[in-house]
Amino acid sequence: MSECTEGAGASCSSCASAGSCSAEEKQRHEEEQLQARLSHIKHKIVVMSGKGGVGKSTVAVNLAVTLAQQGYKVGLLDADIHGPNLPKMLGLDNSRLQADANGIRPMEAAAGLHVVSMAFLLEHADNPIIWRGPLKHTVIRQFVADVQWGDLDFLVVDLPPGTGDEPLSVAQVLKDVDGSIIVTTPQDVALLDSRKSVVFSGQLKIPVIGIVENMSGFKCPHCGEEIDLFKKGGGEKAARELQVPFLGRIPIDPQFVTNGDLGQPLVLAAPDSVGAESFRLLTRRCLEFVKQEKQQT
């Protein structure tokens, strides 16, 4: 039996004695390393959606940045292996991850936010990731166990749409997720899938922080009249029927698109906008939920 020459934070791939370790020893060390990383993360929040195109990544980015603005130490994990776009939204799309003997160093975004994404590992942004489930599970585990996250108050995980491999892997790797935020748009076709995310969370014993209704209303810049492009109130109705909290509405704002393409989250680029205020309300309700859960345990 060999003795590991590195600390719990070191990766087996960088350990000097890794070549003499058995498969069982490597597996044990990898589990110890994962638990060591997780022990430095106070709270874990996953952002989910039942279907694509509802603005889940926008919610995850602005939530993470708002938490960081309020003085919390925050990590943002992009678990969308096939469509990693958080670096683009944070102005980090040309960055690459670096590693040393202690593991992978996450990228630092605005407000001190630490980010890890598959996009940082691609040689070209157009290269597709053509992987099956086991490979995706492995990289998600590495994004937690091999990354030098340090001491975090929050790890926000941006999940891909649906309830497949990646959400299941994240739940298995993180084990005790504090809660899930379900993002939907008001129309019925989006609500059908968002309801599945609520049930998915329940089956995996992940508390549901609540449902947020994105793209809820648009104010005409010319006349000021509010137009319900995708209906309104569906998310609140679904939350009521499923008996989970409703976290609020986020309006359609062209600044989301413009600033997102420029790598500037709305809460930073337009802090006085209605959308930014919606995210501050969402963040406040998340903090209240986490505080209440902690008191109950």
C-alpha atoms as a PDB file:
ATOM      1  CA  MET A   1       0.000   0.000   0.000  1.00  0.00           C
ATOM      2  CA  SER A   2       1.475   3.348  -1.024  1.00  0.00           C
ATOM      3  CA  GLU A   3       1.272   6.573   0.928  1.00  0.00           C
ATOM      4  CA  CYS A   4       0.001   9.684  -0.811  1.00  0.00           C
ATOM      5  CA  THR A   5       2.699  12.360  -0.890  1.00  0.00           C
ATOM      6  CA  GLU A   6       0.295  15.246  -1.447  1.00  0.00           C
ATOM      7  CA  GLY A   7      -2.410  16.858   0.693  1.00  0.00           C
ATOM      8  CA  ALA A   8      -6.128  16.266   0.399  1.00  0.00           C
ATOM      9  CA  GLY A   9      -6.452  19.145  -2.034  1.00  0.00           C
ATOM     10  CA  ALA A  10      -4.062  17.659  -4.584  1.00  0.00           C
ATOM     11  CA  SER A  11      -5.185  15.757  -7.655  1.00  0.00           C
ATOM     12  CA  CYS A  12      -4.031  12.165  -8.212  1.00  0.00           C
ATOM     13  CA  SER A  13      -2.859  13.239 -11.662  1.00  0.00           C
ATOM     14  CA  SER A  14      -0.306  15.593 -10.072  1.00  0.00           C
ATOM     15  CA  CYS A  15       0.727  13.356  -7.167  1.00  0.00           C
ATOM     16  CA  ALA A  16       4.272  11.991  -7.277  1.00  0.00           C
ATOM     17  CA  SER A  17       3.207   8.584  -5.912  1.00  0.00           C
ATOM     18  CA  ALA A  18       0.102   8.136  -8.069  1.00  0.00           C
ATOM     19  CA  GLY A  19       1.820   5.574 -10.303  1.00  0.00           C
ATOM     20  CA  SER A  20       2.249   3.128  -7.410  1.00  0.00           C
ATOM     21  CA  CYS A  21      -1.315   3.473  -6.097  1.00  0.00           C
ATOM     22  CA  SER A  22      -3.898   0.760  -6.660  1.00  0.00           C
ATOM     23  CA  ALA A  23      -7.266   1.577  -8.214  1.00  0.00           C
ATOM     24  CA  GLU A  24      -8.883   1.279  -4.777  1.00  0.00           C
ATOM     25  CA  GLU A  25      -6.370   3.695  -3.248  1.00  0.00           C
ATOM     26  CA  LYS A  26      -6.936   6.224  -6.020  1.00  0.00           C
ATOM     27  CA  GLN A  27     -10.697   5.950  -5.611  1.00  0.00           C
ATOM     28  CA  ARG A  28     -10.387   6.437  -1.855  1.00  0.00           C
ATOM     29  CA  HIS A  29      -8.140   9.468  -2.275  1.00  0.00           C
ATOM     30  CA  GLU A  30     -10.463  11.007  -4.877  1.00  0.00           C
ATOM     31  CA  GLU A  31     -13.380  10.641  -2.463  1.00  0.00           C
ATOM     32  CA  GLU A  32     -11.342  12.211   0.356  1.00  0.00           C
ATOM     33  CA  GLN A  33     -10.380  15.044  -1.959  1.00  0.00           C
ATOM     34  CA  LEU A  34     -14.017  15.629  -2.955  1.00  0.00           C
ATOM     35  CA  GLN A  35     -15.144  15.720   0.670  1.00  0.00           C
ATOM     36  CA  ALA A  36     -12.300  18.102   1.537  1.00  0.00           C
ATOM     37  CA  ARG A  37     -13.418  20.554  -1.157  1.00  0.00           C
ATOM     38  CA  LEU A  38     -17.082  20.286  -0.147  1.00  0.00           C
ATOM     39  CA  SER A  39     -16.235  20.929   3.510  1.00  0.00           C
ATOM     40  CA  HIS A  40     -15.205  24.474   2.535  1.00  0.00           C
ATOM     41  CA  ILE A  41     -18.514  25.262   0.778  1.00  0.00           C
ATOM     42  CA  LYS A  42     -21.275  26.431   3.123  1.00  0.00           C
ATOM     43  CA  HIS A  43     -24.243  26.501   0.751  1.00  0.00           C
ATOM     44  CA  LYS A  44     -24.981  24.938  -2.635  1.00  0.00           C
ATOM     45  CA  ILE A  45     -27.755  26.207  -4.913  1.00  0.00           C
ATOM     46  CA  VAL A  46     -28.691  24.725  -8.288  1.00  0.00           C
ATOM     47  CA  VAL A  47     -30.521  26.716 -10.962  1.00  0.00           C
ATOM     48  CA  MET A  48     -32.730  24.509 -13.130  1.00  0.00           C
ATOM     49  CA  SER A  49     -35.215  24.709 -15.958  1.00  0.00           C
ATOM     50  CA  GLY A  50     -37.500  22.139 -17.501  1.00  0.00           C
ATOM     51  CA  LYS A  51     -36.701  23.326 -21.014  1.00  0.00           C
ATOM     52  CA  GLY A  52     -34.175  25.479 -22.832  1.00  0.00           C
ATOM     53  CA  GLY A  53     -34.520  29.120 -23.751  1.00  0.00           C
ATOM     54  CA  VAL A  54     -36.116  30.341 -20.529  1.00  0.00           C
ATOM     55  CA  GLY A  55     -33.134  32.403 -19.320  1.00  0.00           C
ATOM     56  CA  LYS A  56     -31.773  30.013 -16.722  1.00  0.00           C
ATOM     57  CA  SER A  57     -28.139  31.019 -17.268  1.00  0.00           C
ATOM     58  CA  THR A  58     -29.082  34.696 -17.028  1.00  0.00           C
ATOM     59  CA  VAL A  59     -30.687  33.998 -13.659  1.00  0.00           C
ATOM     60  CA  ALA A  60     -27.691  31.975 -12.436  1.00  0.00           C
ATOM     61  CA  VAL A  61     -25.164  34.643 -13.453  1.00  0.00           C
ATOM     62  CA  ASN A  62     -27.061  37.598 -11.998  1.00  0.00           C
ATOM     63  CA  LEU A  63     -27.862  35.706  -8.796  1.00  0.00           C
ATOM     64  CA  ALA A  64     -24.188  34.801  -8.310  1.00  0.00           C
ATOM     65  CA  VAL A  65     -22.991  38.332  -9.055  1.00  0.00           C
ATOM     66  CA  THR A  66     -25.580  39.848  -6.689  1.00  0.00           C
ATOM     67  CA  LEU A  67     -24.465  37.530  -3.885  1.00  0.00           C
ATOM     68  CA  ALA A  68     -20.838  38.513  -4.541  1.00  0.00           C
ATOM     69  CA  GLN A  69     -21.792  42.203  -4.529  1.00  0.00           C
ATOM     70  CA  GLN A  70     -23.238  41.726  -1.064  1.00  0.00           C
ATOM     71  CA  GLY A  71     -19.924  40.484   0.262  1.00  0.00           C
ATOM     72  CA  TYR A  72     -20.378  36.725   0.008  1.00  0.00           C
ATOM     73  CA  LYS A  73     -17.644  34.470  -1.370  1.00  0.00           C
ATOM     74  CA  VAL A  74     -19.263  32.870  -4.392  1.00  0.00           C
ATOM     75  CA  GLY A  75     -18.359  30.178  -6.903  1.00  0.00           C
ATOM     76  CA  LEU A  76     -20.262  29.642 -10.147  1.00  0.00           C
ATOM     77  CA  LEU A  77     -20.142  26.180 -11.714  1.00  0.00           C
ATOM     78  CA  ASP A  78     -21.302  25.819 -15.313  1.00  0.00           C
ATOM     79  CA  ALA A  79     -22.648  22.248 -15.427  1.00  0.00           C
ATOM     80  CA  ASP A  80     -24.024  22.652 -18.954  1.00  0.00           C
ATOM     81  CA  ILE A  81     -21.394  20.481 -20.621  1.00  0.00           C
ATOM     82  CA  HIS A  82     -22.790  20.677 -24.162  1.00  0.00           C
ATOM     83  CA  GLY A  83     -23.731  24.354 -24.152  1.00  0.00           C
ATOM     84  CA  PRO A  84     -21.402  26.197 -21.769  1.00  0.00           C
ATOM     85  CA  ASN A  85     -22.113  29.914 -22.150  1.00  0.00           C
ATOM     86  CA  LEU A  86     -21.452  31.454 -18.736  1.00  0.00           C
ATOM     87  CA  PRO A  87     -17.936  32.649 -19.718  1.00  0.00           C
ATOM     88  CA  LYS A  88     -19.436  34.654 -22.603  1.00  0.00           C
ATOM     89  CA  MET A  89     -21.962  36.261 -20.253  1.00  0.00           C
ATOM     90  CA  LEU A  90     -19.186  37.229 -17.830  1.00  0.00           C
ATOM     91  CA  GLY A  91     -16.669  38.519 -20.373  1.00  0.00           C
ATOM     92  CA  LEU A  92     -14.382  35.506 -19.895  1.00  0.00           C
ATOM     93  CA  ASP A  93     -14.922  33.764 -23.224  1.00  0.00           C
ATOM     94  CA  ASN A  94     -11.235  33.903 -24.248  1.00  0.00           C
ATOM     95  CA  SER A  95      -9.916  32.615 -20.920  1.00  0.00           C
ATOM     96  CA  ARG A  96      -8.340  29.233 -20.221  1.00  0.00           C
ATOM     97  CA  LEU A  97      -8.072  27.294 -16.984  1.00  0.00           C
ATOM     98  CA  GLN A  98      -4.678  26.773 -15.393  1.00  0.00           C
ATOM     99  CA  ALA A  99      -3.627  24.101 -12.893  1.00  0.00           C
ATOM    100  CA  ASP A 100      -0.860  23.429 -10.396  1.00  0.00           C
ATOM    101  CA  ALA A 101      -0.078  20.752  -7.827  1.00  0.00           C
ATOM    102  CA  ASN A 102      -3.107  21.783  -5.757  1.00  0.00           C
ATOM    103  CA  GLY A 103      -5.591  21.472  -8.596  1.00  0.00           C
ATOM    104  CA  ILE A 104      -7.377  23.671 -11.115  1.00  0.00           C
ATOM    105  CA  ARG A 105      -7.518  27.411 -10.524  1.00  0.00           C
ATOM    106  CA  PRO A 106     -10.972  28.863 -11.301  1.00  0.00           C
ATOM    107  CA  MET A 107     -11.311  32.034 -13.351  1.00  0.00           C
ATOM    108  CA  GLU A 108     -12.191  35.241 -11.526  1.00  0.00           C
ATOM    109  CA  ALA A 109     -15.016  37.384 -12.878  1.00  0.00           C
ATOM    110  CA  ALA A 110     -16.465  40.699 -11.782  1.00  0.00           C
ATOM    111  CA  ALA A 111     -17.104  41.256  -8.077  1.00  0.00           C
ATOM    112  CA  GLY A 112     -14.650  38.497  -7.125  1.00  0.00           C
ATOM    113  CA  LEU A 113     -16.828  35.699  -8.482  1.00  0.00           C
ATOM    114  CA  HIS A 114     -14.950  32.434  -9.193  1.00  0.00           C
ATOM    115  CA  VAL A 115     -16.073  30.501 -12.283  1.00  0.00           C
ATOM    116  CA  VAL A 116     -15.460  27.088 -13.828  1.00  0.00           C
ATOM    117  CA  SER A 117     -16.888  26.008 -17.182  1.00  0.00           C
ATOM    118  CA  MET A 118     -16.243  23.464 -19.901  1.00  0.00           C
ATOM    119  CA  ALA A 119     -15.867  26.439 -22.250  1.00  0.00           C
ATOM    120  CA  PHE A 120     -12.512  27.224 -20.612  1.00  0.00           C
ATOM    121  CA  LEU A 121     -11.182  23.874 -21.858  1.00  0.00           C
ATOM    122  CA  LEU A 122     -12.227  24.109 -25.505  1.00  0.00           C
ATOM    123  CA  GLU A 123      -9.605  24.991 -28.103  1.00  0.00           C
ATOM    124  CA  HIS A 124     -12.305  26.634 -30.216  1.00  0.00           C
ATOM    125  CA  ALA A 125     -15.747  27.874 -29.194  1.00  0.00           C
ATOM    126  CA  ASP A 126     -17.358  26.008 -32.115  1.00  0.00           C
ATOM    127  CA  ASN A 127     -16.036  22.614 -31.014  1.00  0.00           C
ATOM    128  CA  PRO A 128     -18.923  20.390 -29.865  1.00  0.00           C
ATOM    129  CA  ILE A 129     -18.749  18.150 -26.803  1.00  0.00           C
ATOM    130  CA  ILE A 130     -19.851  14.709 -28.003  1.00  0.00           C
ATOM    131  CA  TRP A 131     -19.975  12.742 -24.753  1.00  0.00           C
ATOM    132  CA  ARG A 132     -22.173  10.146 -23.132  1.00  0.00           C
ATOM    133  CA  GLY A 133     -23.257  10.130 -19.491  1.00  0.00           C
ATOM    134  CA  PRO A 134     -20.206   8.581 -17.755  1.00  0.00           C
ATOM    135  CA  LEU A 135     -17.795  11.161 -19.179  1.00  0.00           C
ATOM    136  CA  LYS A 136     -20.087  14.013 -18.172  1.00  0.00           C
ATOM    137  CA  HIS A 137     -20.327  12.631 -14.643  1.00  0.00           C
ATOM    138  CA  THR A 138     -16.532  12.421 -14.438  1.00  0.00           C
ATOM    139  CA  VAL A 139     -15.953  16.026 -15.499  1.00  0.00           C
ATOM    140  CA  ILE A 140     -18.645  17.357 -13.146  1.00  0.00           C
ATOM    141  CA  ARG A 141     -16.986  15.490 -10.283  1.00  0.00           C
ATOM    142  CA  GLN A 142     -13.613  16.955 -11.297  1.00  0.00           C
ATOM    143  CA  PHE A 143     -15.096  20.453 -11.447  1.00  0.00           C
ATOM    144  CA  VAL A 144     -15.863  20.082  -7.748  1.00  0.00           C
ATOM    145  CA  ALA A 145     -13.043  17.885  -6.448  1.00  0.00           C
ATOM    146  CA  ASP A 146     -10.104  19.180  -8.507  1.00  0.00           C
ATOM    147  CA  VAL A 147     -10.871  22.915  -8.446  1.00  0.00           C
ATOM    148  CA  GLN A 148      -9.329  25.231  -5.862  1.00  0.00           C
ATOM    149  CA  TRP A 149     -12.639  26.771  -4.824  1.00  0.00           C
ATOM    150  CA  GLY A 150     -11.318  27.803  -1.422  1.00  0.00           C
ATOM    151  CA  ASP A 151     -13.749  28.891   1.275  1.00  0.00           C
ATOM    152  CA  LEU A 152     -17.125  29.672  -0.313  1.00  0.00           C
ATOM    153  CA  ASP A 153     -20.326  30.959   1.206  1.00  0.00           C
ATOM    154  CA  PHE A 154     -22.229  29.868  -1.913  1.00  0.00           C
ATOM    155  CA  LEU A 155     -21.643  27.586  -4.885  1.00  0.00           C
ATOM    156  CA  VAL A 156     -24.224  28.384  -7.568  1.00  0.00           C
ATOM    157  CA  VAL A 157     -24.581  25.636 -10.186  1.00  0.00           C
ATOM    158  CA  ASP A 158     -26.056  26.411 -13.595  1.00  0.00           C
ATOM    159  CA  LEU A 159     -27.636  23.182 -14.856  1.00  0.00           C
ATOM    160  CA  PRO A 160     -28.581  22.345 -18.440  1.00  0.00           C
ATOM    161  CA  PRO A 161     -32.289  22.054 -19.285  1.00  0.00           C
ATOM    162  CA  GLY A 162     -34.164  18.946 -18.266  1.00  0.00           C
ATOM    163  CA  THR A 163     -33.716  16.235 -15.665  1.00  0.00           C
ATOM    164  CA  GLY A 164     -31.056  14.032 -17.272  1.00  0.00           C
ATOM    165  CA  ASP A 165     -27.406  13.154 -16.725  1.00  0.00           C
ATOM    166  CA  GLU A 166     -25.966  16.483 -15.571  1.00  0.00           C
ATOM    167  CA  PRO A 167     -28.595  17.399 -12.925  1.00  0.00           C
ATOM    168  CA  LEU A 168     -28.439  13.861 -11.550  1.00  0.00           C
ATOM    169  CA  SER A 169     -24.622  13.910 -11.460  1.00  0.00           C
ATOM    170  CA  VAL A 170     -24.545  17.287  -9.703  1.00  0.00           C
ATOM    171  CA  ALA A 171     -26.997  16.038  -7.084  1.00  0.00           C
ATOM    172  CA  GLN A 172     -24.911  12.895  -6.520  1.00  0.00           C
ATOM    173  CA  VAL A 173     -21.592  14.754  -6.328  1.00  0.00           C
ATOM    174  CA  LEU A 174     -22.729  17.633  -4.100  1.00  0.00           C
ATOM    175  CA  LYS A 175     -24.907  15.287  -2.012  1.00  0.00           C
ATOM    176  CA  ASP A 176     -26.512  17.899   0.277  1.00  0.00           C
ATOM    177  CA  VAL A 177     -27.761  20.642  -2.041  1.00  0.00           C
ATOM    178  CA  ASP A 178     -29.369  23.468  -0.059  1.00  0.00           C
ATOM    179  CA  GLY A 179     -32.013  24.146  -2.673  1.00  0.00           C
ATOM    180  CA  SER A 180     -33.070  24.480  -6.292  1.00  0.00           C
ATOM    181  CA  ILE A 181     -34.346  27.510  -8.161  1.00  0.00           C
ATOM    182  CA  ILE A 182     -36.706  26.601 -11.003  1.00  0.00           C
ATOM    183  CA  VAL A 183     -36.718  29.085 -13.897  1.00  0.00           C
ATOM    184  CA  THR A 184     -39.697  29.236 -16.222  1.00  0.00           C
ATOM    185  CA  THR A 185     -41.430  31.569 -18.626  1.00  0.00           C
ATOM    186  CA  PRO A 186     -45.177  32.206 -18.289  1.00  0.00           C
ATOM    187  CA  GLN A 187     -46.479  30.205 -21.260  1.00  0.00           C
ATOM    188  CA  ASP A 188     -47.959  26.751 -20.726  1.00  0.00           C
ATOM    189  CA  VAL A 189     -45.347  24.812 -22.723  1.00  0.00           C
ATOM    190  CA  ALA A 190     -42.570  26.045 -20.418  1.00  0.00           C
ATOM    191  CA  LEU A 191     -44.639  25.508 -17.283  1.00  0.00           C
ATOM    192  CA  LEU A 192     -45.273  21.866 -18.166  1.00  0.00           C
ATOM    193  CA  ASP A 193     -41.539  21.164 -18.041  1.00  0.00           C
ATOM    194  CA  SER A 194     -40.796  23.373 -15.052  1.00  0.00           C
ATOM    195  CA  ARG A 195     -43.251  21.338 -13.005  1.00  0.00           C
ATOM    196  CA  LYS A 196     -41.132  18.262 -13.784  1.00  0.00           C
ATOM    197  CA  SER A 197     -38.102  20.050 -12.292  1.00  0.00           C
ATOM    198  CA  VAL A 198     -40.020  20.593  -9.052  1.00  0.00           C
ATOM    199  CA  VAL A 199     -40.908  16.895  -8.882  1.00  0.00           C
ATOM    200  CA  PHE A 200     -37.305  15.966  -9.790  1.00  0.00           C
ATOM    201  CA  SER A 201     -36.014  18.053  -6.881  1.00  0.00           C
ATOM    202  CA  GLY A 202     -38.442  16.374  -4.533  1.00  0.00           C
ATOM    203  CA  GLN A 203     -37.453  12.886  -5.638  1.00  0.00           C
ATOM    204  CA  LEU A 204     -33.781  13.693  -4.990  1.00  0.00           C
ATOM    205  CA  LYS A 205     -34.634  15.320  -1.653  1.00  0.00           C
ATOM    206  CA  ILE A 206     -33.423  18.739  -2.819  1.00  0.00           C
ATOM    207  CA  PRO A 207     -35.503  21.519  -1.189  1.00  0.00           C
ATOM    208  CA  VAL A 208     -37.156  23.791  -3.731  1.00  0.00           C
ATOM    209  CA  ILE A 209     -36.260  27.404  -2.991  1.00  0.00           C
ATOM    210  CA  GLY A 210     -38.944  28.426  -5.440  1.00  0.00           C
ATOM    211  CA  ILE A 211     -40.040  29.208  -8.979  1.00  0.00           C
ATOM    212  CA  VAL A 212     -38.996  32.408 -10.746  1.00  0.00           C
ATOM    213  CA  GLU A 213     -41.021  33.632 -13.723  1.00  0.00           C
ATOM    214  CA  ASN A 214     -38.641  35.050 -16.330  1.00  0.00           C
ATOM    215  CA  MET A 215     -39.601  37.128 -19.405  1.00  0.00           C
ATOM    216  CA  SER A 216     -42.680  38.265 -17.518  1.00  0.00           C
ATOM    217  CA  GLY A 217     -43.979  41.424 -19.158  1.00  0.00           C
ATOM    218  CA  PHE A 218     -42.358  43.988 -21.433  1.00  0.00           C
ATOM    219  CA  LYS A 219     -42.662  47.760 -21.050  1.00  0.00           C
ATOM    220  CA  CYS A 220     -42.850  49.573 -24.376  1.00  0.00           C
ATOM    221  CA  PRO A 221     -39.988  52.111 -24.543  1.00  0.00           C
ATOM    222  CA  HIS A 222     -42.183  54.496 -26.563  1.00  0.00           C
ATOM    223  CA  CYS A 223     -45.520  54.604 -24.754  1.00  0.00           C
ATOM    224  CA  GLY A 224     -44.644  52.940 -21.451  1.00  0.00           C
ATOM    225  CA  GLU A 225     -47.468  50.420 -21.752  1.00  0.00           C
ATOM    226  CA  GLU A 226     -46.732  46.951 -20.401  1.00  0.00           C
ATOM    227  CA  ILE A 227     -47.204  44.121 -22.878  1.00  0.00           C
ATOM    228  CA  ASP A 228     -47.458  40.467 -21.819  1.00  0.00           C
ATOM    229  CA  LEU A 229     -45.567  38.900 -24.723  1.00  0.00           C
ATOM    230  CA  PHE A 230     -45.464  35.426 -23.164  1.00  0.00           C
ATOM    231  CA  LYS A 231     -48.545  35.761 -20.949  1.00  0.00           C
ATOM    232  CA  LYS A 232     -48.124  36.483 -17.239  1.00  0.00           C
ATOM    233  CA  GLY A 233     -48.692  34.787 -13.922  1.00  0.00           C
ATOM    234  CA  GLY A 234     -48.101  31.194 -15.032  1.00  0.00           C
ATOM    235  CA  GLY A 235     -45.076  30.738 -12.795  1.00  0.00           C
ATOM    236  CA  GLU A 236     -46.929  32.038  -9.766  1.00  0.00           C
ATOM    237  CA  LYS A 237     -49.874  29.746 -10.501  1.00  0.00           C
ATOM    238  CA  ALA A 238     -47.583  26.725 -10.869  1.00  0.00           C
ATOM    239  CA  ALA A 239     -45.845  27.574  -7.575  1.00  0.00           C
ATOM    240  CA  ARG A 240     -49.186  27.799  -5.833  1.00  0.00           C
ATOM    241  CA  GLU A 241     -50.415  24.490  -7.261  1.00  0.00           C
ATOM    242  CA  LEU A 242     -47.160  22.689  -6.433  1.00  0.00           C
ATOM    243  CA  GLN A 243     -47.006  24.317  -2.988  1.00  0.00           C
ATOM    244  CA  VAL A 244     -43.542  25.816  -3.427  1.00  0.00           C
ATOM    245  CA  PRO A 245     -42.494  29.474  -2.972  1.00  0.00           C
ATOM    246  CA  PHE A 246     -42.865  31.973  -5.801  1.00  0.00           C
ATOM    247  CA  LEU A 247     -39.662  34.015  -6.061  1.00  0.00           C
ATOM    248  CA  GLY A 248     -40.919  36.800  -8.307  1.00  0.00           C
ATOM    249  CA  ARG A 249     -41.053  37.985 -11.906  1.00  0.00           C
ATOM    250  CA  ILE A 250     -38.195  39.181 -14.092  1.00  0.00           C
ATOM    251  CA  PRO A 251     -39.356  41.392 -16.982  1.00  0.00           C
ATOM    252  CA  ILE A 252     -38.167  41.253 -20.567  1.00  0.00           C
ATOM    253  CA  ASP A 253     -35.473  43.884 -20.980  1.00  0.00           C
ATOM    254  CA  PRO A 254     -33.401  44.405 -24.157  1.00  0.00           C
ATOM    255  CA  GLN A 255     -30.492  45.274 -21.861  1.00  0.00           C
ATOM    256  CA  PHE A 256     -30.297  41.580 -20.913  1.00  0.00           C
ATOM    257  CA  VAL A 257     -29.376  40.720 -24.497  1.00  0.00           C
ATOM    258  CA  THR A 258     -27.046  43.673 -25.081  1.00  0.00           C
ATOM    259  CA  ASN A 259     -25.163  43.379 -21.815  1.00  0.00           C
ATOM    260  CA  GLY A 260     -25.067  39.591 -21.975  1.00  0.00           C
ATOM    261  CA  ASP A 261     -23.342  39.712 -25.356  1.00  0.00           C
ATOM    262  CA  LEU A 262     -20.886  42.251 -23.950  1.00  0.00           C
ATOM    263  CA  GLY A 263     -20.107  40.075 -20.946  1.00  0.00           C
ATOM    264  CA  GLN A 264     -21.721  42.495 -18.498  1.00  0.00           C
ATOM    265  CA  PRO A 265     -24.409  41.056 -16.163  1.00  0.00           C
ATOM    266  CA  LEU A 266     -27.400  43.370 -15.851  1.00  0.00           C
ATOM    267  CA  VAL A 267     -26.994  43.856 -12.105  1.00  0.00           C
ATOM    268  CA  LEU A 268     -23.584  45.400 -12.816  1.00  0.00           C
ATOM    269  CA  ALA A 269     -24.289  47.227 -16.075  1.00  0.00           C
ATOM    270  CA  ALA A 270     -27.720  48.647 -15.158  1.00  0.00           C
ATOM    271  CA  PRO A 271     -28.082  48.448 -11.363  1.00  0.00           C
ATOM    272  CA  ASP A 272     -31.019  50.865 -11.316  1.00  0.00           C
ATOM    273  CA  SER A 273     -33.096  48.918 -13.856  1.00  0.00           C
ATOM    274  CA  VAL A 274     -36.289  47.046 -12.986  1.00  0.00           C
ATOM    275  CA  GLY A 275     -34.591  43.796 -13.976  1.00  0.00           C
ATOM    276  CA  ALA A 276     -31.692  44.373 -11.589  1.00  0.00           C
ATOM    277  CA  GLU A 277     -34.124  45.087  -8.769  1.00  0.00           C
ATOM    278  CA  SER A 278     -35.907  41.812  -9.598  1.00  0.00           C
ATOM    279  CA  PHE A 279     -32.636  39.950  -9.130  1.00  0.00           C
ATOM    280  CA  ARG A 280     -31.958  41.664  -5.821  1.00  0.00           C
ATOM    281  CA  LEU A 281     -35.405  40.543  -4.646  1.00  0.00           C
ATOM    282  CA  LEU A 282     -34.690  37.002  -5.856  1.00  0.00           C
ATOM    283  CA  THR A 283     -31.366  37.015  -4.008  1.00  0.00           C
ATOM    284  CA  ARG A 284     -32.975  38.307  -0.826  1.00  0.00           C
ATOM    285  CA  ARG A 285     -35.558  35.521  -0.903  1.00  0.00           C
ATOM    286  CA  CYS A 286     -32.854  32.910  -1.488  1.00  0.00           C
ATOM    287  CA  LEU A 287     -30.917  34.184   1.505  1.00  0.00           C
ATOM    288  CA  GLU A 288     -34.061  34.080   3.631  1.00  0.00           C
ATOM    289  CA  PHE A 289     -34.697  30.489   2.538  1.00  0.00           C
ATOM    290  CA  VAL A 290     -31.154  29.364   3.360  1.00  0.00           C
ATOM    291  CA  LYS A 291     -31.282  31.105   6.741  1.00  0.00           C
ATOM    292  CA  GLN A 292     -34.613  29.471   7.560  1.00  0.00           C
ATOM    293  CA  GLU A 293     -33.345  26.031   6.524  1.00  0.00           C
ATOM    294  CA  LYS A 294     -30.292  26.467   8.731  1.00  0.00           C
ATOM    295  CA  GLN A 295     -32.441  27.404  11.724  1.00  0.00           C
ATOM    296  CA  GLN A 296     -34.609  24.329  11.215  1.00  0.00           C
ATOM    297  CA  THR A 297     -31.585  22.015  11.185  1.00  0.00           C
END
